[in-house]
Amino acid sequence: MVQITYEYSKYIATIDNLQDTLDAHGVVVIPNILHSSECENMKDEMWKYLEHITANMEHPINRNIPNSWKTFNVASVMVCWTFTTGMEFKN
């Protein structure tokens, strides 16, 4: 199994260095900005959305069946994000 390392700390920002961090990395992490219940609600809504839009597919996504997760094209989610928010994903 491949071990993935994530460099979390370089993306952490405060009000004072927010713009500099964003300019340097294209993304920032602002700790404790959302309550854990808000995060859980967002995850639940994401699953509801994915389960709904794949419901009529040959292999629909089911949050409780990890094998079903890889049957959906992530690019579709990126297109929906860009369309609904007007913001594009950055590589």
C-alpha atoms as a PDB file:
ATOM      1  CA  MET A   1       0.000   0.000   0.000  1.00  0.00           C
ATOM      2  CA  VAL A   2       1.211   3.494  -0.884  1.00  0.00           C
ATOM      3  CA  GLN A   3       1.634   5.898   2.019  1.00  0.00           C
ATOM      4  CA  ILE A   4       0.507   9.439   1.235  1.00  0.00           C
ATOM      5  CA  THR A   5       2.045  12.284   3.184  1.00  0.00           C
ATOM      6  CA  TYR A   6       0.134  15.531   3.553  1.00  0.00           C
ATOM      7  CA  GLU A   7       1.844  18.805   4.434  1.00  0.00           C
ATOM      8  CA  TYR A   8      -0.934  20.413   6.415  1.00  0.00           C
ATOM      9  CA  SER A   9       0.996  23.030   8.362  1.00  0.00           C
ATOM     10  CA  LYS A  10       2.187  25.151   5.437  1.00  0.00           C
ATOM     11  CA  TYR A  11      -1.439  25.884   4.500  1.00  0.00           C
ATOM     12  CA  ILE A  12      -2.541  27.084   7.946  1.00  0.00           C
ATOM     13  CA  ALA A  13      -3.376  30.768   7.955  1.00  0.00           C
ATOM     14  CA  THR A  14      -4.407  33.488  10.345  1.00  0.00           C
ATOM     15  CA  ILE A  15      -6.090  36.789   9.531  1.00  0.00           C
ATOM     16  CA  ASP A  16      -2.623  38.369   9.438  1.00  0.00           C
ATOM     17  CA  ASN A  17      -1.085  36.005   6.854  1.00  0.00           C
ATOM     18  CA  LEU A  18      -4.179  34.853   4.987  1.00  0.00           C
ATOM     19  CA  GLN A  19      -3.464  36.635   1.692  1.00  0.00           C
ATOM     20  CA  ASP A  20       0.242  35.710   1.698  1.00  0.00           C
ATOM     21  CA  THR A  21      -0.568  32.031   2.286  1.00  0.00           C
ATOM     22  CA  LEU A  22      -3.234  32.077  -0.403  1.00  0.00           C
ATOM     23  CA  ASP A  23      -0.881  33.764  -2.875  1.00  0.00           C
ATOM     24  CA  ALA A  24       1.894  31.273  -2.105  1.00  0.00           C
ATOM     25  CA  HIS A  25      -0.127  28.043  -2.182  1.00  0.00           C
ATOM     26  CA  GLY A  26      -3.492  28.796  -3.794  1.00  0.00           C
ATOM     27  CA  VAL A  27      -5.268  27.423  -0.746  1.00  0.00           C
ATOM     28  CA  VAL A  28      -5.473  28.134   2.977  1.00  0.00           C
ATOM     29  CA  VAL A  29      -6.579  26.204   6.030  1.00  0.00           C
ATOM     30  CA  ILE A  30      -8.216  28.297   8.717  1.00  0.00           C
ATOM     31  CA  PRO A  31      -8.439  26.102  11.820  1.00  0.00           C
ATOM     32  CA  ASN A  32     -11.652  25.933  13.821  1.00  0.00           C
ATOM     33  CA  ILE A  33     -13.680  28.093  11.450  1.00  0.00           C
ATOM     34  CA  LEU A  34     -16.487  25.524  11.221  1.00  0.00           C
ATOM     35  CA  HIS A  35     -18.110  23.659  14.074  1.00  0.00           C
ATOM     36  CA  SER A  36     -17.886  19.869  13.837  1.00  0.00           C
ATOM     37  CA  SER A  37     -21.672  19.637  13.379  1.00  0.00           C
ATOM     38  CA  GLU A  38     -21.409  21.928  10.326  1.00  0.00           C
ATOM     39  CA  CYS A  39     -18.723  19.655   8.858  1.00  0.00           C
ATOM     40  CA  GLU A  40     -20.841  16.558   9.489  1.00  0.00           C
ATOM     41  CA  ASN A  41     -23.833  18.242   7.857  1.00  0.00           C
ATOM     42  CA  MET A  42     -21.760  19.143   4.770  1.00  0.00           C
ATOM     43  CA  LYS A  43     -20.478  15.554   4.479  1.00  0.00           C
ATOM     44  CA  ASP A  44     -24.020  14.217   4.786  1.00  0.00           C
ATOM     45  CA  GLU A  45     -25.273  16.621   2.104  1.00  0.00           C
ATOM     46  CA  MET A  46     -22.399  15.614  -0.199  1.00  0.00           C
ATOM     47  CA  TRP A  47     -23.331  11.940   0.176  1.00  0.00           C
ATOM     48  CA  LYS A  48     -27.012  12.701  -0.424  1.00  0.00           C
ATOM     49  CA  TYR A  49     -26.087  14.590  -3.582  1.00  0.00           C
ATOM     50  CA  LEU A  50     -23.819  11.838  -4.940  1.00  0.00           C
ATOM     51  CA  GLU A  51     -26.337   9.130  -4.092  1.00  0.00           C
ATOM     52  CA  HIS A  52     -29.116  11.108  -5.787  1.00  0.00           C
ATOM     53  CA  ILE A  53     -27.302  11.921  -9.038  1.00  0.00           C
ATOM     54  CA  THR A  54     -26.082   8.333  -9.441  1.00  0.00           C
ATOM     55  CA  ALA A  55     -29.340   6.649  -8.363  1.00  0.00           C
ATOM     56  CA  ASN A  56     -30.267   5.631 -11.919  1.00  0.00           C
ATOM     57  CA  MET A  57     -26.772   4.560 -12.952  1.00  0.00           C
ATOM     58  CA  GLU A  58     -25.826   0.939 -13.383  1.00  0.00           C
ATOM     59  CA  HIS A  59     -23.644   1.172 -10.264  1.00  0.00           C
ATOM     60  CA  PRO A  60     -24.974   3.959  -8.020  1.00  0.00           C
ATOM     61  CA  ILE A  61     -22.929   5.355  -5.181  1.00  0.00           C
ATOM     62  CA  ASN A  62     -23.829   4.185  -1.700  1.00  0.00           C
ATOM     63  CA  ARG A  63     -22.032   5.884   1.176  1.00  0.00           C
ATOM     64  CA  ASN A  64     -21.988   2.579   3.092  1.00  0.00           C
ATOM     65  CA  ILE A  65     -20.418   0.559   0.265  1.00  0.00           C
ATOM     66  CA  PRO A  66     -16.873   1.830  -0.399  1.00  0.00           C
ATOM     67  CA  ASN A  67     -16.600  -0.271  -3.557  1.00  0.00           C
ATOM     68  CA  SER A  68     -19.379   1.827  -5.102  1.00  0.00           C
ATOM     69  CA  TRP A  69     -17.412   5.050  -4.695  1.00  0.00           C
ATOM     70  CA  LYS A  70     -15.032   4.379  -7.564  1.00  0.00           C
ATOM     71  CA  THR A  71     -17.778   3.933 -10.149  1.00  0.00           C
ATOM     72  CA  PHE A  72     -18.428   7.651 -10.489  1.00  0.00           C
ATOM     73  CA  ASN A  73     -16.392  10.108 -12.552  1.00  0.00           C
ATOM     74  CA  VAL A  74     -15.035  12.785 -10.213  1.00  0.00           C
ATOM     75  CA  ALA A  75     -14.764  15.166 -13.150  1.00  0.00           C
ATOM     76  CA  SER A  76     -18.569  15.423 -13.104  1.00  0.00           C
ATOM     77  CA  VAL A  77     -18.470  16.762  -9.571  1.00  0.00           C
ATOM     78  CA  MET A  78     -15.805  19.278 -10.587  1.00  0.00           C
ATOM     79  CA  VAL A  79     -17.977  20.495 -13.469  1.00  0.00           C
ATOM     80  CA  CYS A  80     -20.980  20.853 -11.149  1.00  0.00           C
ATOM     81  CA  TRP A  81     -18.864  22.764  -8.632  1.00  0.00           C
ATOM     82  CA  THR A  82     -17.582  25.145 -11.291  1.00  0.00           C
ATOM     83  CA  PHE A  83     -21.060  25.664 -12.739  1.00  0.00           C
ATOM     84  CA  THR A  84     -22.817  26.313  -9.411  1.00  0.00           C
ATOM     85  CA  THR A  85     -20.138  28.431  -7.750  1.00  0.00           C
ATOM     86  CA  GLY A  86     -18.385  30.058 -10.698  1.00  0.00           C
ATOM     87  CA  MET A  87     -15.085  28.977  -9.116  1.00  0.00           C
ATOM     88  CA  GLU A  88     -12.700  26.586 -10.844  1.00  0.00           C
ATOM     89  CA  PHE A  89     -10.595  23.842  -9.282  1.00  0.00           C
ATOM     90  CA  LYS A  90      -6.871  24.644  -9.368  1.00  0.00           C
ATOM     91  CA  ASN A  91      -4.191  22.020  -9.891  1.00  0.00           C
END
